[in-house]
C-alpha cells in the first residue's frame, strides 16, 4: 500500500500551500495493520480501513460501490477487457477514450 500512496500524483488545489497527498485512504480488510495505520498517520492521511474479524462499520461500502461501478462500466466495453496493445501509450489512449465515452453517456 505504501508504494501506491507515495506514487500518487500531487493534488492541485488552492495557491499557497497546496496538499500533495490525499486527505483519506479507504481500504479493506487486507490492508489492516498497525504499521500501515501509523505510516498513514505520519503522512497526514486519515486511514479508513475496515478492521479484521469485525463488522464493516467504516462506511467503506458506500465509497467502494462507486469505484466498482465505474470499473464495471470500463470493463463493459469489449476493447477494455481484452487488450492486445503492448505500448503503454496505446493503453492510456484507450483508457482516455473509454472515460470520455462514459462521460458522454452520462451527459446524454
PDB file of N, CA and C in Angstrom:
ATOM      1  N   UNK A   1       0.819  -1.181   0.000  1.00  0.00           N
ATOM      2  CA  UNK A   1       0.000   0.000   0.000  1.00  0.00           C
ATOM      3  C   UNK A   1       0.870   1.255   0.000  1.00  0.00           C
ATOM      4  N   UNK A   2       1.986   1.237   0.700  1.00  0.00           N
ATOM      5  CA  UNK A   2       2.825   2.421   0.808  1.00  0.00           C
ATOM      6  C   UNK A   2       3.378   2.886  -0.545  1.00  0.00           C
ATOM      7  N   UNK A   3       3.876   1.989  -1.420  1.00  0.00           N
ATOM      8  CA  UNK A   3       4.340   2.473  -2.723  1.00  0.00           C
ATOM      9  C   UNK A   3       3.234   3.140  -3.538  1.00  0.00           C
ATOM     10  N   UNK A   4       2.015   2.642  -3.439  1.00  0.00           N
ATOM     11  CA  UNK A   4       0.904   3.251  -4.177  1.00  0.00           C
ATOM     12  C   UNK A   4       0.588   4.644  -3.632  1.00  0.00           C
ATOM     13  N   UNK A   5       0.651   4.811  -2.317  1.00  0.00           N
ATOM     14  CA  UNK A   5       0.377   6.122  -1.717  1.00  0.00           C
ATOM     15  C   UNK A   5       1.472   7.114  -2.083  1.00  0.00           C
ATOM     16  N   UNK A   6       2.717   6.681  -2.046  1.00  0.00           N
ATOM     17  CA  UNK A   6       3.824   7.583  -2.373  1.00  0.00           C
ATOM     18  C   UNK A   6       3.887   7.909  -3.859  1.00  0.00           C
ATOM     19  N   UNK A   7       3.397   7.009  -4.717  1.00  0.00           N
ATOM     20  CA  UNK A   7       3.409   7.253  -6.158  1.00  0.00           C
ATOM     21  C   UNK A   7       2.196   8.060  -6.611  1.00  0.00           C
ATOM     22  N   UNK A   8       1.295   8.376  -5.704  1.00  0.00           N
ATOM     23  CA  UNK A   8       0.097   9.131  -6.044  1.00  0.00           C
ATOM     24  C   UNK A   8       0.510  10.513  -6.547  1.00  0.00           C
ATOM     25  N   UNK A   9      -0.060  10.978  -7.664  1.00  0.00           N
ATOM     26  CA  UNK A   9       0.334  12.295  -8.181  1.00  0.00           C
ATOM     27  C   UNK A   9      -0.069  13.417  -7.225  1.00  0.00           C
ATOM     28  N   UNK A  10       0.672  14.521  -7.289  1.00  0.00           N
ATOM     29  CA  UNK A  10       0.385  15.647  -6.404  1.00  0.00           C
ATOM     30  C   UNK A  10      -0.978  16.232  -6.731  1.00  0.00           C
ATOM     31  N   UNK A  11      -1.672  16.649  -5.691  1.00  0.00           N
ATOM     32  CA  UNK A  11      -3.019  17.175  -5.830  1.00  0.00           C
ATOM     33  C   UNK A  11      -2.938  18.683  -6.002  1.00  0.00           C
ATOM     34  N   UNK A  12      -3.614  19.178  -7.027  1.00  0.00           N
ATOM     35  CA  UNK A  12      -3.666  20.629  -7.222  1.00  0.00           C
ATOM     36  C   UNK A  12      -4.768  21.193  -6.356  1.00  0.00           C
ATOM     37  N   UNK A  13      -4.531  22.382  -5.856  1.00  0.00           N
ATOM     38  CA  UNK A  13      -5.542  22.984  -5.000  1.00  0.00           C
ATOM     39  C   UNK A  13      -5.374  24.482  -4.959  1.00  0.00           C
ATOM     40  N   UNK A  14      -5.649  25.033  -3.816  1.00  0.00           N
ATOM     41  CA  UNK A  14      -5.558  26.471  -3.628  1.00  0.00           C
ATOM     42  C   UNK A  14      -4.092  26.914  -3.686  1.00  0.00           C
ATOM     43  N   UNK A  15      -3.833  28.126  -4.193  1.00  0.00           N
ATOM     44  CA  UNK A  15      -2.466  28.622  -4.194  1.00  0.00           C
ATOM     45  C   UNK A  15      -1.982  28.835  -2.762  1.00  0.00           C
ATOM     46  N   UNK A  16      -0.704  28.766  -2.598  1.00  0.00           N
ATOM     47  CA  UNK A  16      -0.123  28.930  -1.273  1.00  0.00           C
ATOM     48  C   UNK A  16       0.522  27.631  -0.840  1.00  0.00           C
ATOM     49  N   UNK A  17      -0.160  26.888  -0.006  1.00  0.00           N
ATOM     50  CA  UNK A  17       0.355  25.615   0.492  1.00  0.00           C
ATOM     51  C   UNK A  17      -0.581  24.501   0.040  1.00  0.00           C
ATOM     52  N   UNK A  18      -0.503  24.056  -1.218  1.00  0.00           N
ATOM     53  CA  UNK A  18      -1.420  23.015  -1.680  1.00  0.00           C
ATOM     54  C   UNK A  18      -1.087  21.665  -1.069  1.00  0.00           C
ATOM     55  N   UNK A  19      -2.110  20.819  -0.942  1.00  0.00           N
ATOM     56  CA  UNK A  19      -1.898  19.455  -0.445  1.00  0.00           C
ATOM     57  C   UNK A  19      -1.198  18.643  -1.517  1.00  0.00           C
ATOM     58  N   UNK A  20      -0.327  17.787  -1.098  1.00  0.00           N
ATOM     59  CA  UNK A  20       0.356  16.918  -2.056  1.00  0.00           C
ATOM     60  C   UNK A  20      -0.130  15.481  -1.940  1.00  0.00           C
ATOM     61  N   UNK A  21      -0.853  15.180  -0.872  1.00  0.00           N
ATOM     62  CA  UNK A  21      -1.362  13.824  -0.666  1.00  0.00           C
ATOM     63  C   UNK A  21      -2.858  13.881  -0.383  1.00  0.00           C
ATOM     64  N   UNK A  22      -3.551  12.775  -0.592  1.00  0.00           N
ATOM     65  CA  UNK A  22      -4.994  12.776  -0.295  1.00  0.00           C
ATOM     66  C   UNK A  22      -5.257  12.911   1.201  1.00  0.00           C
ATOM     67  N   UNK A  23      -6.469  13.344   1.545  1.00  0.00           N
ATOM     68  CA  UNK A  23      -6.823  13.501   2.964  1.00  0.00           C
ATOM     69  C   UNK A  23      -7.171  12.170   3.616  1.00  0.00           C
ATOM     70  N   UNK A  24      -7.836  11.277   2.855  1.00  0.00           N
ATOM     71  CA  UNK A  24      -8.276   9.989   3.401  1.00  0.00           C
ATOM     72  C   UNK A  24      -7.849   8.865   2.475  1.00  0.00           C
ATOM     73  N   UNK A  25      -7.691   7.694   3.059  1.00  0.00           N
ATOM     74  CA  UNK A  25      -7.400   6.498   2.285  1.00  0.00           C
ATOM     75  C   UNK A  25      -8.378   5.416   2.719  1.00  0.00           C
ATOM     76  N   UNK A  26      -9.167   4.904   1.774  1.00  0.00           N
ATOM     77  CA  UNK A  26     -10.121   3.846   2.042  1.00  0.00           C
ATOM     78  C   UNK A  26      -9.504   2.519   1.631  1.00  0.00           C
ATOM     79  N   UNK A  27      -9.609   1.515   2.498  1.00  0.00           N
ATOM     80  CA  UNK A  27      -9.048   0.203   2.187  1.00  0.00           C
ATOM     81  C   UNK A  27      -9.897  -0.870   2.863  1.00  0.00           C
ATOM     82  N   UNK A  28      -9.709  -2.108   2.420  1.00  0.00           N
ATOM     83  CA  UNK A  28     -10.478  -3.201   3.005  1.00  0.00           C
ATOM     84  C   UNK A  28      -9.629  -3.973   4.005  1.00  0.00           C
ATOM     85  N   UNK A  29     -10.130  -5.137   4.416  1.00  0.00           N
ATOM     86  CA  UNK A  29      -9.504  -5.929   5.487  1.00  0.00           C
ATOM     87  C   UNK A  29      -8.047  -6.281   5.210  1.00  0.00           C
ATOM     88  N   UNK A  30      -7.693  -6.496   3.974  1.00  0.00           N
ATOM     89  CA  UNK A  30      -6.345  -6.953   3.641  1.00  0.00           C
ATOM     90  C   UNK A  30      -5.250  -5.958   3.984  1.00  0.00           C
ATOM     91  N   UNK A  31      -5.586  -4.691   4.115  1.00  0.00           N
ATOM     92  CA  UNK A  31      -4.573  -3.663   4.391  1.00  0.00           C
ATOM     93  C   UNK A  31      -4.553  -3.234   5.849  1.00  0.00           C
ATOM     94  N   UNK A  32      -5.295  -3.918   6.694  1.00  0.00           N
ATOM     95  CA  UNK A  32      -5.376  -3.537   8.101  1.00  0.00           C
ATOM     96  C   UNK A  32      -4.150  -4.022   8.863  1.00  0.00           C
ATOM     97  N   UNK A  33      -3.349  -3.085   9.317  1.00  0.00           N
ATOM     98  CA  UNK A  33      -2.220  -3.401  10.200  1.00  0.00           C
ATOM     99  C   UNK A  33      -1.849  -2.135  10.964  1.00  0.00           C
ATOM    100  N   UNK A  34      -1.260  -2.323  12.117  1.00  0.00           N
ATOM    101  CA  UNK A  34      -0.865  -1.178  12.937  1.00  0.00           C
ATOM    102  C   UNK A  34       0.220  -0.364  12.236  1.00  0.00           C
ATOM    103  N   UNK A  35       1.122  -1.043  11.523  1.00  0.00           N
ATOM    104  CA  UNK A  35       2.208  -0.333  10.831  1.00  0.00           C
ATOM    105  C   UNK A  35       1.652   0.552   9.715  1.00  0.00           C
ATOM    106  N   UNK A  36       0.700   0.026   8.957  1.00  0.00           N
ATOM    107  CA  UNK A  36       0.106   0.815   7.865  1.00  0.00           C
ATOM    108  C   UNK A  36      -0.621   2.034   8.421  1.00  0.00           C
ATOM    109  N   UNK A  37      -1.360   1.844   9.506  1.00  0.00           N
ATOM    110  CA  UNK A  37      -2.072   2.967  10.109  1.00  0.00           C
ATOM    111  C   UNK A  37      -1.095   4.011  10.644  1.00  0.00           C
ATOM    112  N   UNK A  38      -0.007   3.568  11.243  1.00  0.00           N
ATOM    113  CA  UNK A  38       0.977   4.508  11.793  1.00  0.00           C
ATOM    114  C   UNK A  38       1.659   5.309  10.680  1.00  0.00           C
ATOM    115  N   UNK A  39       2.002   4.657   9.593  1.00  0.00           N
ATOM    116  CA  UNK A  39       2.655   5.352   8.485  1.00  0.00           C
ATOM    117  C   UNK A  39       1.704   6.372   7.863  1.00  0.00           C
ATOM    118  N   UNK A  40       0.444   5.977   7.678  1.00  0.00           N
ATOM    119  CA  UNK A  40      -0.536   6.907   7.111  1.00  0.00           C
ATOM    120  C   UNK A  40      -0.768   8.096   8.030  1.00  0.00           C
ATOM    121  N   UNK A  41      -0.812   7.845   9.332  1.00  0.00           N
ATOM    122  CA  UNK A  41      -0.976   8.933  10.293  1.00  0.00           C
ATOM    123  C   UNK A  41       0.214   9.880  10.228  1.00  0.00           C
ATOM    124  N   UNK A  42       1.425   9.327  10.088  1.00  0.00           N
ATOM    125  CA  UNK A  42       2.634  10.139   9.993  1.00  0.00           C
ATOM    126  C   UNK A  42       2.632  10.988   8.716  1.00  0.00           C
ATOM    127  N   UNK A  43       2.059  10.451   7.636  1.00  0.00           N
ATOM    128  CA  UNK A  43       1.969  11.190   6.376  1.00  0.00           C
ATOM    129  C   UNK A  43       0.828  12.202   6.372  1.00  0.00           C
ATOM    130  N   UNK A  44      -0.011  12.195   7.403  1.00  0.00           N
ATOM    131  CA  UNK A  44      -1.122  13.136   7.482  1.00  0.00           C
ATOM    132  C   UNK A  44      -2.355  12.677   6.723  1.00  0.00           C
ATOM    133  N   UNK A  45      -2.481  11.364   6.538  1.00  0.00           N
ATOM    134  CA  UNK A  45      -3.608  10.793   5.816  1.00  0.00           C
ATOM    135  C   UNK A  45      -4.477  10.033   6.809  1.00  0.00           C
ATOM    136  N   UNK A  46      -5.775  10.320   6.797  1.00  0.00           N
ATOM    137  CA  UNK A  46      -6.695   9.605   7.686  1.00  0.00           C
ATOM    138  C   UNK A  46      -6.991   8.239   7.079  1.00  0.00           C
ATOM    139  N   UNK A  47      -6.725   7.190   7.833  1.00  0.00           N
ATOM    140  CA  UNK A  47      -6.934   5.824   7.354  1.00  0.00           C
ATOM    141  C   UNK A  47      -8.351   5.368   7.696  1.00  0.00           C
ATOM    142  N   UNK A  48      -9.132   5.051   6.665  1.00  0.00           N
ATOM    143  CA  UNK A  48     -10.468   4.477   6.853  1.00  0.00           C
ATOM    144  C   UNK A  48     -10.359   3.046   6.351  1.00  0.00           C
ATOM    145  N   UNK A  49      -9.874   2.177   7.239  1.00  0.00           N
ATOM    146  CA  UNK A  49      -9.592   0.794   6.882  1.00  0.00           C
ATOM    147  C   UNK A  49     -10.513  -0.113   7.691  1.00  0.00           C
ATOM    148  N   UNK A  50     -11.178  -1.027   7.015  1.00  0.00           N
ATOM    149  CA  UNK A  50     -12.021  -1.991   7.708  1.00  0.00           C
ATOM    150  C   UNK A  50     -11.130  -2.900   8.549  1.00  0.00           C
ATOM    151  N   UNK A  51     -11.516  -3.111   9.799  1.00  0.00           N
ATOM    152  CA  UNK A  51     -10.700  -3.919  10.690  1.00  0.00           C
ATOM    153  C   UNK A  51     -11.007  -5.398  10.516  1.00  0.00           C
ATOM    154  N   UNK A  52      -9.982  -6.207  10.686  1.00  0.00           N
ATOM    155  CA  UNK A  52     -10.145  -7.650  10.534  1.00  0.00           C
ATOM    156  C   UNK A  52     -10.989  -8.227  11.663  1.00  0.00           C
ATOM    157  N   UNK A  53     -11.731  -9.270  11.331  1.00  0.00           N
ATOM    158  CA  UNK A  53     -12.576 -10.008  12.285  1.00  0.00           C
ATOM    159  C   UNK A  53     -13.629  -9.129  12.954  1.00  0.00           C
ATOM    160  N   UNK A  54     -14.055  -8.063  12.284  1.00  0.00           N
ATOM    161  CA  UNK A  54     -15.110  -7.205  12.811  1.00  0.00           C
ATOM    162  C   UNK A  54     -16.052  -6.839  11.679  1.00  0.00           C
ATOM    163  N   UNK A  55     -17.220  -6.358  12.058  1.00  0.00           N
ATOM    164  CA  UNK A  55     -18.167  -5.868  11.064  1.00  0.00           C
ATOM    165  C   UNK A  55     -17.580  -4.625  10.409  1.00  0.00           C
ATOM    166  N   UNK A  56     -18.068  -4.318   9.204  1.00  0.00           N
ATOM    167  CA  UNK A  56     -17.527  -3.175   8.476  1.00  0.00           C
ATOM    168  C   UNK A  56     -17.637  -1.906   9.297  1.00  0.00           C
ATOM    169  N   UNK A  57     -18.759  -1.264   9.289  1.00  0.00           N
ATOM    170  CA  UNK A  57     -18.970  -0.080  10.099  1.00  0.00           C
ATOM    171  C   UNK A  57     -18.144   1.123   9.683  1.00  0.00           C
ATOM    172  N   UNK A  58     -17.235   0.961   8.695  1.00  0.00           N
ATOM    173  CA  UNK A  58     -16.376   2.070   8.298  1.00  0.00           C
ATOM    174  C   UNK A  58     -16.991   2.898   7.186  1.00  0.00           C
ATOM    175  N   UNK A  59     -18.111   2.461   6.635  1.00  0.00           N
ATOM    176  CA  UNK A  59     -18.727   3.172   5.521  1.00  0.00           C
ATOM    177  C   UNK A  59     -18.016   2.906   4.206  1.00  0.00           C
ATOM    178  N   UNK A  60     -17.156   1.896   4.202  1.00  0.00           N
ATOM    179  CA  UNK A  60     -16.359   1.603   3.016  1.00  0.00           C
ATOM    180  C   UNK A  60     -17.217   1.161   1.849  1.00  0.00           C
ATOM    181  N   UNK A  61     -18.326   0.494   2.106  1.00  0.00           N
ATOM    182  CA  UNK A  61     -19.176   0.006   1.026  1.00  0.00           C
ATOM    183  C   UNK A  61     -19.765   1.115   0.177  1.00  0.00           C
ATOM    184  N   UNK A  62     -20.066   2.261   0.783  1.00  0.00           N
ATOM    185  CA  UNK A  62     -20.635   3.378   0.031  1.00  0.00           C
ATOM    186  C   UNK A  62     -19.632   3.931  -0.959  1.00  0.00           C
ATOM    187  N   UNK A  63     -18.386   4.052  -0.562  1.00  0.00           N
ATOM    188  CA  UNK A  63     -17.347   4.587  -1.443  1.00  0.00           C
ATOM    189  C   UNK A  63     -16.907   3.521  -2.429  1.00  0.00           C
ATOM    190  N   UNK A  64     -16.775   2.315  -1.966  1.00  0.00           N
ATOM    191  CA  UNK A  64     -16.296   1.233  -2.818  1.00  0.00           C
ATOM    192  C   UNK A  64     -17.267   0.936  -3.955  1.00  0.00           C
ATOM    193  N   UNK A  65     -18.561   1.083  -3.713  1.00  0.00           N
ATOM    194  CA  UNK A  65     -19.551   0.810  -4.744  1.00  0.00           C
ATOM    195  C   UNK A  65     -19.337   1.715  -5.948  1.00  0.00           C
ATOM    196  N   UNK A  66     -19.009   2.981  -5.716  1.00  0.00           N
ATOM    197  CA  UNK A  66     -18.792   3.921  -6.810  1.00  0.00           C
ATOM    198  C   UNK A  66     -17.608   3.474  -7.656  1.00  0.00           C
ATOM    199  N   UNK A  67     -16.546   3.039  -7.006  1.00  0.00           N
ATOM    200  CA  UNK A  67     -15.350   2.593  -7.723  1.00  0.00           C
ATOM    201  C   UNK A  67     -15.645   1.321  -8.509  1.00  0.00           C
ATOM    202  N   UNK A  68     -16.294   0.354  -7.880  1.00  0.00           N
ATOM    203  CA  UNK A  68     -16.592  -0.906  -8.565  1.00  0.00           C
ATOM    204  C   UNK A  68     -17.561  -0.695  -9.725  1.00  0.00           C
ATOM    205  N   UNK A  69     -18.530   0.209  -9.573  1.00  0.00           N
ATOM    206  CA  UNK A  69     -19.450   0.504 -10.656  1.00  0.00           C
ATOM    207  C   UNK A  69     -18.705   1.104 -11.847  1.00  0.00           C
ATOM    208  N   UNK A  70     -17.783   2.024 -11.581  1.00  0.00           N
ATOM    209  CA  UNK A  70     -17.033   2.665 -12.663  1.00  0.00           C
ATOM    210  C   UNK A  70     -16.136   1.656 -13.369  1.00  0.00           C
ATOM    211  N   UNK A  71     -15.507   0.780 -12.616  1.00  0.00           N
ATOM    212  CA  UNK A  71     -14.669  -0.254 -13.235  1.00  0.00           C
ATOM    213  C   UNK A  71     -15.528  -1.185 -14.081  1.00  0.00           C
ATOM    214  N   UNK A  72     -16.738  -1.503 -13.606  1.00  0.00           N
ATOM    215  CA  UNK A  72     -17.597  -2.376 -14.407  1.00  0.00           C
ATOM    216  C   UNK A  72     -18.039  -1.680 -15.690  1.00  0.00           C
ATOM    217  N   UNK A  73     -18.234  -0.370 -15.652  1.00  0.00           N
ATOM    218  CA  UNK A  73     -18.545   0.370 -16.874  1.00  0.00           C
ATOM    219  C   UNK A  73     -17.390   0.283 -17.858  1.00  0.00           C
ATOM    220  N   UNK A  74     -16.170   0.429 -17.339  1.00  0.00           N
ATOM    221  CA  UNK A  74     -14.992   0.331 -18.216  1.00  0.00           C
ATOM    222  C   UNK A  74     -14.868  -1.064 -18.809  1.00  0.00           C
ATOM    223  N   UNK A  75     -15.051  -2.079 -17.976  1.00  0.00           N
ATOM    224  CA  UNK A  75     -14.911  -3.456 -18.448  1.00  0.00           C
ATOM    225  C   UNK A  75     -16.075  -3.882 -19.334  1.00  0.00           C
ATOM    226  N   UNK A  76     -17.168  -3.124 -19.319  1.00  0.00           N
ATOM    227  CA  UNK A  76     -18.295  -3.420 -20.181  1.00  0.00           C
ATOM    228  C   UNK A  76     -17.977  -3.165 -21.649  1.00  0.00           C
ATOM    229  N   UNK A  77     -16.961  -2.363 -21.885  1.00  0.00           N
ATOM    230  CA  UNK A  77     -16.525  -2.108 -23.260  1.00  0.00           C
ATOM    231  C   UNK A  77     -15.519  -3.198 -23.631  1.00  0.00           C
ATOM    232  N   UNK A  78     -15.817  -3.952 -24.662  1.00  0.00           N
ATOM    233  CA  UNK A  78     -15.012  -5.127 -25.001  1.00  0.00           C
ATOM    234  C   UNK A  78     -13.535  -4.798 -25.185  1.00  0.00           C
ATOM    235  N   UNK A  79     -13.265  -3.677 -25.796  1.00  0.00           N
ATOM    236  CA  UNK A  79     -11.870  -3.310 -26.069  1.00  0.00           C
ATOM    237  C   UNK A  79     -11.082  -3.104 -24.768  1.00  0.00           C
ATOM    238  N   UNK A  80     -11.764  -2.738 -23.708  1.00  0.00           N
ATOM    239  CA  UNK A  80     -11.076  -2.533 -22.437  1.00  0.00           C
ATOM    240  C   UNK A  80     -10.854  -3.854 -21.702  1.00  0.00           C
ATOM    241  N   UNK A  81     -11.674  -4.871 -22.005  1.00  0.00           N
ATOM    242  CA  UNK A  81     -11.494  -6.171 -21.358  1.00  0.00           C
ATOM    243  C   UNK A  81     -10.318  -6.929 -21.952  1.00  0.00           C
ATOM    244  N   UNK A  82     -10.232  -6.941 -23.272  1.00  0.00           N
ATOM    245  CA  UNK A  82      -9.184  -7.678 -23.962  1.00  0.00           C
ATOM    246  C   UNK A  82      -8.226  -6.691 -24.609  1.00  0.00           C
ATOM    247  N   UNK A  83      -7.033  -6.610 -24.065  1.00  0.00           N
ATOM    248  CA  UNK A  83      -6.059  -5.666 -24.604  1.00  0.00           C
ATOM    249  C   UNK A  83      -4.916  -6.426 -25.251  1.00  0.00           C
ATOM    250  N   UNK A  84      -4.637  -6.042 -26.467  1.00  0.00           N
ATOM    251  CA  UNK A  84      -3.534  -6.651 -27.196  1.00  0.00           C
ATOM    252  C   UNK A  84      -2.392  -5.666 -27.408  1.00  0.00           C
ATOM    253  N   UNK A  85      -2.567  -4.442 -26.966  1.00  0.00           N
ATOM    254  CA  UNK A  85      -1.553  -3.410 -27.182  1.00  0.00           C
ATOM    255  C   UNK A  85      -0.404  -3.580 -26.203  1.00  0.00           C
ATOM    256  N   UNK A  86       0.797  -3.430 -26.694  1.00  0.00           N
ATOM    257  CA  UNK A  86       1.965  -3.569 -25.828  1.00  0.00           C
ATOM    258  C   UNK A  86       2.472  -2.225 -25.342  1.00  0.00           C
ATOM    259  N   UNK A  87       2.254  -1.182 -26.114  1.00  0.00           N
ATOM    260  CA  UNK A  87       2.750   0.129 -25.728  1.00  0.00           C
ATOM    261  C   UNK A  87       1.856   0.748 -24.659  1.00  0.00           C
ATOM    262  N   UNK A  88       2.490   1.298 -23.641  1.00  0.00           N
ATOM    263  CA  UNK A  88       1.732   1.940 -22.568  1.00  0.00           C
ATOM    264  C   UNK A  88       0.964   3.145 -23.098  1.00  0.00           C
ATOM    265  N   UNK A  89       1.510   3.818 -24.100  1.00  0.00           N
ATOM    266  CA  UNK A  89       0.850   4.970 -24.687  1.00  0.00           C
ATOM    267  C   UNK A  89      -0.498   4.576 -25.294  1.00  0.00           C
ATOM    268  N   UNK A  90      -0.548   3.425 -25.943  1.00  0.00           N
ATOM    269  CA  UNK A  90      -1.799   2.956 -26.542  1.00  0.00           C
ATOM    270  C   UNK A  90      -2.815   2.575 -25.477  1.00  0.00           C
ATOM    271  N   UNK A  91      -2.362   1.945 -24.407  1.00  0.00           N
ATOM    272  CA  UNK A  91      -3.280   1.583 -23.320  1.00  0.00           C
ATOM    273  C   UNK A  91      -3.861   2.834 -22.668  1.00  0.00           C
ATOM    274  N   UNK A  92      -3.028   3.865 -22.472  1.00  0.00           N
ATOM    275  CA  UNK A  92      -3.520   5.117 -21.906  1.00  0.00           C
ATOM    276  C   UNK A  92      -4.514   5.792 -22.848  1.00  0.00           C
ATOM    277  N   UNK A  93      -4.259   5.690 -24.143  1.00  0.00           N
ATOM    278  CA  UNK A  93      -5.186   6.274 -25.113  1.00  0.00           C
ATOM    279  C   UNK A  93      -6.544   5.575 -25.051  1.00  0.00           C
ATOM    280  N   UNK A  94      -6.554   4.246 -24.953  1.00  0.00           N
ATOM    281  CA  UNK A  94      -7.821   3.509 -24.855  1.00  0.00           C
ATOM    282  C   UNK A  94      -8.530   3.844 -23.545  1.00  0.00           C
ATOM    283  N   UNK A  95      -7.775   4.014 -22.451  1.00  0.00           N
ATOM    284  CA  UNK A  95      -8.390   4.399 -21.175  1.00  0.00           C
ATOM    285  C   UNK A  95      -9.045   5.771 -21.284  1.00  0.00           C
ATOM    286  N   UNK A  96      -8.352   6.716 -21.920  1.00  0.00           N
ATOM    287  CA  UNK A  96      -8.912   8.060 -22.082  1.00  0.00           C
ATOM    288  C   UNK A  96     -10.159   8.029 -22.960  1.00  0.00           C
ATOM    289  N   UNK A  97     -10.129   7.234 -24.015  1.00  0.00           N
ATOM    290  CA  UNK A  97     -11.297   7.120 -24.889  1.00  0.00           C
ATOM    291  C   UNK A  97     -12.481   6.503 -24.147  1.00  0.00           C
ATOM    292  N   UNK A  98     -12.227   5.474 -23.367  1.00  0.00           N
ATOM    293  CA  UNK A  98     -13.305   4.833 -22.602  1.00  0.00           C
ATOM    294  C   UNK A  98     -13.885   5.801 -21.571  1.00  0.00           C
ATOM    295  N   UNK A  99     -13.023   6.578 -20.908  1.00  0.00           N
ATOM    296  CA  UNK A  99     -13.510   7.549 -19.927  1.00  0.00           C
ATOM    297  C   UNK A  99     -14.348   8.627 -20.600  1.00  0.00           C
ATOM    298  N   UNK A 100     -13.935   9.063 -21.787  1.00  0.00           N
ATOM    299  CA  UNK A 100     -14.721  10.082 -22.483  1.00  0.00           C
ATOM    300  C   UNK A 100     -16.058   9.505 -22.970  1.00  0.00           C
ATOM    301  N   UNK A 101     -16.102   8.242 -23.367  1.00  0.00           N
ATOM    302  CA  UNK A 101     -17.370   7.611 -23.761  1.00  0.00           C
ATOM    303  C   UNK A 101     -18.298   7.526 -22.554  1.00  0.00           C
ATOM    304  N   UNK A 102     -17.733   7.174 -21.390  1.00  0.00           N
ATOM    305  CA  UNK A 102     -18.547   7.105 -20.176  1.00  0.00           C
ATOM    306  C   UNK A 102     -19.132   8.483 -19.823  1.00  0.00           C
ATOM    307  N   UNK A 103     -18.305   9.525 -19.926  1.00  0.00           N
ATOM    308  CA  UNK A 103     -18.798  10.890 -19.631  1.00  0.00           C
ATOM    309  C   UNK A 103     -19.880  11.293 -20.624  1.00  0.00           C
ATOM    310  N   UNK A 104     -19.677  10.960 -21.887  1.00  0.00           N
ATOM    311  CA  UNK A 104     -20.681  11.290 -22.903  1.00  0.00           C
ATOM    312  C   UNK A 104     -22.001  10.590 -22.613  1.00  0.00           C
ATOM    313  N   UNK A 105     -21.940   9.335 -22.212  1.00  0.00           N
ATOM    314  CA  UNK A 105     -23.171   8.593 -21.897  1.00  0.00           C
ATOM    315  C   UNK A 105     -23.886   9.164 -20.678  1.00  0.00           C
ATOM    316  N   UNK A 106     -23.103   9.627 -19.692  1.00  0.00           N
ATOM    317  CA  UNK A 106     -23.714  10.223 -18.501  1.00  0.00           C
ATOM    318  C   UNK A 106     -24.391  11.548 -18.829  1.00  0.00           C
ATOM    319  N   UNK A 107     -23.773  12.332 -19.709  1.00  0.00           N
ATOM    320  CA  UNK A 107     -24.332  13.644 -20.053  1.00  0.00           C
ATOM    321  C   UNK A 107     -25.471  13.548 -21.055  1.00  0.00           C
ATOM    322  N   UNK A 108     -25.518  12.465 -21.802  1.00  0.00           N
ATOM    323  CA  UNK A 108     -26.536  12.313 -22.831  1.00  0.00           C
ATOM    324  C   UNK A 108     -27.915  12.101 -22.266  1.00  0.00           C
TER     325      UNK A 108
END
